[in-house]
Amino acid sequence: MMGTLATVLAGHKIRTFRDRYRAEVTGDIEAVDGVLKITRIRVAYHLRAPLAQHAAAREAMERYLVLCPGAQSVAGCIALEHELRLEASAD
């Protein structure tokens, strides 16, 4: 998921170097009918980019999931939650 979003961001000329882009991922594992299953994945993306690119970053966030093989493989089986936390940078 992180790689797909990075690709979409790159299409908007938004840099995703390690010092600018990271993700925190958490999830829930629950017993469903006596079997442990991953039921939810939460991803908080952190991106440092110039203010002028924030709208494009939000737009990329809105459309990357349908392009993501990993997300599409588990959609409908595991609830996916994602958010983008933007921070302004000078360049």
C-alpha atoms as a PDB file:
ATOM      1  CA  MET A   1       0.000   0.000   0.000  1.00  0.00           C
ATOM      2  CA  MET A   2       2.793   2.385   0.893  1.00  0.00           C
ATOM      3  CA  GLY A   3       4.546   1.753  -2.414  1.00  0.00           C
ATOM      4  CA  THR A   4       1.397   2.325  -4.447  1.00  0.00           C
ATOM      5  CA  LEU A   5       0.720   5.630  -2.690  1.00  0.00           C
ATOM      6  CA  ALA A   6       4.359   6.639  -3.257  1.00  0.00           C
ATOM      7  CA  THR A   7       3.933   5.914  -6.971  1.00  0.00           C
ATOM      8  CA  VAL A   8       0.791   8.050  -7.184  1.00  0.00           C
ATOM      9  CA  LEU A   9       2.512  10.835  -5.221  1.00  0.00           C
ATOM     10  CA  ALA A  10       5.486  10.660  -7.611  1.00  0.00           C
ATOM     11  CA  GLY A  11       3.055  11.259 -10.464  1.00  0.00           C
ATOM     12  CA  HIS A  12       2.336  14.595  -8.790  1.00  0.00           C
ATOM     13  CA  LYS A  13       6.078  15.298  -8.399  1.00  0.00           C
ATOM     14  CA  ILE A  14       5.840  14.812  -4.617  1.00  0.00           C
ATOM     15  CA  ARG A  15       9.015  13.371  -3.119  1.00  0.00           C
ATOM     16  CA  THR A  16       8.754  10.336  -0.876  1.00  0.00           C
ATOM     17  CA  PHE A  17      12.298   9.974   0.424  1.00  0.00           C
ATOM     18  CA  ARG A  18      12.694   8.255   3.809  1.00  0.00           C
ATOM     19  CA  ASP A  19      13.074  11.549   5.654  1.00  0.00           C
ATOM     20  CA  ARG A  20       9.757  12.766   4.169  1.00  0.00           C
ATOM     21  CA  TYR A  21       7.482   9.735   4.011  1.00  0.00           C
ATOM     22  CA  ARG A  22       6.667   6.917   6.409  1.00  0.00           C
ATOM     23  CA  ALA A  23       3.741   4.858   7.630  1.00  0.00           C
ATOM     24  CA  GLU A  24       2.568   3.535  10.956  1.00  0.00           C
ATOM     25  CA  VAL A  25       0.560   0.324  10.591  1.00  0.00           C
ATOM     26  CA  THR A  26      -1.570  -1.330  13.233  1.00  0.00           C
ATOM     27  CA  GLY A  27      -4.175  -4.026  13.054  1.00  0.00           C
ATOM     28  CA  ASP A  28      -6.692  -6.076  14.944  1.00  0.00           C
ATOM     29  CA  ILE A  29      -6.640  -9.839  15.280  1.00  0.00           C
ATOM     30  CA  GLU A  30      -9.859 -11.404  16.506  1.00  0.00           C
ATOM     31  CA  ALA A  31     -11.222 -14.888  17.033  1.00  0.00           C
ATOM     32  CA  VAL A  32     -13.878 -15.460  14.390  1.00  0.00           C
ATOM     33  CA  ASP A  33     -15.700 -18.770  14.777  1.00  0.00           C
ATOM     34  CA  GLY A  34     -12.776 -20.019  16.867  1.00  0.00           C
ATOM     35  CA  VAL A  35     -10.121 -19.022  14.295  1.00  0.00           C
ATOM     36  CA  LEU A  36      -7.785 -16.063  14.698  1.00  0.00           C
ATOM     37  CA  LYS A  37      -8.166 -13.635  11.789  1.00  0.00           C
ATOM     38  CA  ILE A  38      -6.821 -10.233  10.901  1.00  0.00           C
ATOM     39  CA  THR A  39     -10.010  -8.171  10.840  1.00  0.00           C
ATOM     40  CA  ARG A  40      -8.745  -4.598  10.497  1.00  0.00           C
ATOM     41  CA  ILE A  41      -5.631  -2.811   9.233  1.00  0.00           C
ATOM     42  CA  ARG A  42      -5.046   0.849   9.995  1.00  0.00           C
ATOM     43  CA  VAL A  43      -2.380   2.829   8.140  1.00  0.00           C
ATOM     44  CA  ALA A  44      -1.347   6.359   9.102  1.00  0.00           C
ATOM     45  CA  TYR A  45       0.854   7.858   6.402  1.00  0.00           C
ATOM     46  CA  HIS A  46       3.136  10.735   7.383  1.00  0.00           C
ATOM     47  CA  LEU A  47       4.284  13.018   4.577  1.00  0.00           C
ATOM     48  CA  ARG A  48       6.405  16.151   4.697  1.00  0.00           C
ATOM     49  CA  ALA A  49       5.846  18.255   1.581  1.00  0.00           C
ATOM     50  CA  PRO A  50       5.582  21.911   0.569  1.00  0.00           C
ATOM     51  CA  LEU A  51       2.179  23.469   1.304  1.00  0.00           C
ATOM     52  CA  ALA A  52       1.656  23.953  -2.427  1.00  0.00           C
ATOM     53  CA  GLN A  53       1.615  20.149  -2.849  1.00  0.00           C
ATOM     54  CA  HIS A  54      -0.785  19.298  -0.013  1.00  0.00           C
ATOM     55  CA  ALA A  55      -3.926  19.359  -2.174  1.00  0.00           C
ATOM     56  CA  ALA A  56      -2.291  17.019  -4.699  1.00  0.00           C
ATOM     57  CA  ALA A  57      -1.193  14.719  -1.877  1.00  0.00           C
ATOM     58  CA  ARG A  58      -4.764  14.552  -0.556  1.00  0.00           C
ATOM     59  CA  GLU A  59      -6.031  13.775  -4.064  1.00  0.00           C
ATOM     60  CA  ALA A  60      -3.458  10.987  -4.430  1.00  0.00           C
ATOM     61  CA  MET A  61      -4.603   9.569  -1.102  1.00  0.00           C
ATOM     62  CA  GLU A  62      -8.201   9.508  -2.323  1.00  0.00           C
ATOM     63  CA  ARG A  63      -7.413   7.415  -5.398  1.00  0.00           C
ATOM     64  CA  TYR A  64      -4.468   5.126  -4.685  1.00  0.00           C
ATOM     65  CA  LEU A  65      -6.367   2.232  -3.033  1.00  0.00           C
ATOM     66  CA  VAL A  66      -8.101   1.147  -6.238  1.00  0.00           C
ATOM     67  CA  LEU A  67      -4.648   0.895  -7.861  1.00  0.00           C
ATOM     68  CA  CYS A  68      -3.073  -1.099  -5.026  1.00  0.00           C
ATOM     69  CA  PRO A  69      -2.715  -4.867  -5.554  1.00  0.00           C
ATOM     70  CA  GLY A  70      -2.282  -5.537  -1.830  1.00  0.00           C
ATOM     71  CA  ALA A  71      -5.326  -3.527  -0.805  1.00  0.00           C
ATOM     72  CA  GLN A  72      -7.450  -4.981  -3.588  1.00  0.00           C
ATOM     73  CA  SER A  73      -6.412  -8.503  -2.586  1.00  0.00           C
ATOM     74  CA  VAL A  74      -7.828  -8.129   0.921  1.00  0.00           C
ATOM     75  CA  ALA A  75     -10.679  -5.675   0.290  1.00  0.00           C
ATOM     76  CA  GLY A  76     -13.902  -7.187   1.512  1.00  0.00           C
ATOM     77  CA  CYS A  77     -12.051  -9.585   3.819  1.00  0.00           C
ATOM     78  CA  ILE A  78     -10.151  -7.151   6.027  1.00  0.00           C
ATOM     79  CA  ALA A  79     -11.369  -3.662   6.896  1.00  0.00           C
ATOM     80  CA  LEU A  80      -8.836  -1.073   5.712  1.00  0.00           C
ATOM     81  CA  GLU A  81      -8.546   2.347   7.308  1.00  0.00           C
ATOM     82  CA  HIS A  82      -6.053   4.917   6.144  1.00  0.00           C
ATOM     83  CA  GLU A  83      -5.231   8.530   6.809  1.00  0.00           C
ATOM     84  CA  LEU A  84      -2.687  11.048   5.604  1.00  0.00           C
ATOM     85  CA  ARG A  85      -0.932  13.278   8.119  1.00  0.00           C
ATOM     86  CA  LEU A  86       0.688  16.168   6.274  1.00  0.00           C
ATOM     87  CA  GLU A  87       3.481  18.369   7.537  1.00  0.00           C
ATOM     88  CA  ALA A  88       4.741  21.452   5.711  1.00  0.00           C
ATOM     89  CA  SER A  89       8.310  21.524   4.454  1.00  0.00           C
ATOM     90  CA  ALA A  90      10.355  24.398   3.089  1.00  0.00           C
ATOM     91  CA  ASP A  91      11.076  22.818  -0.301  1.00  0.00           C
END
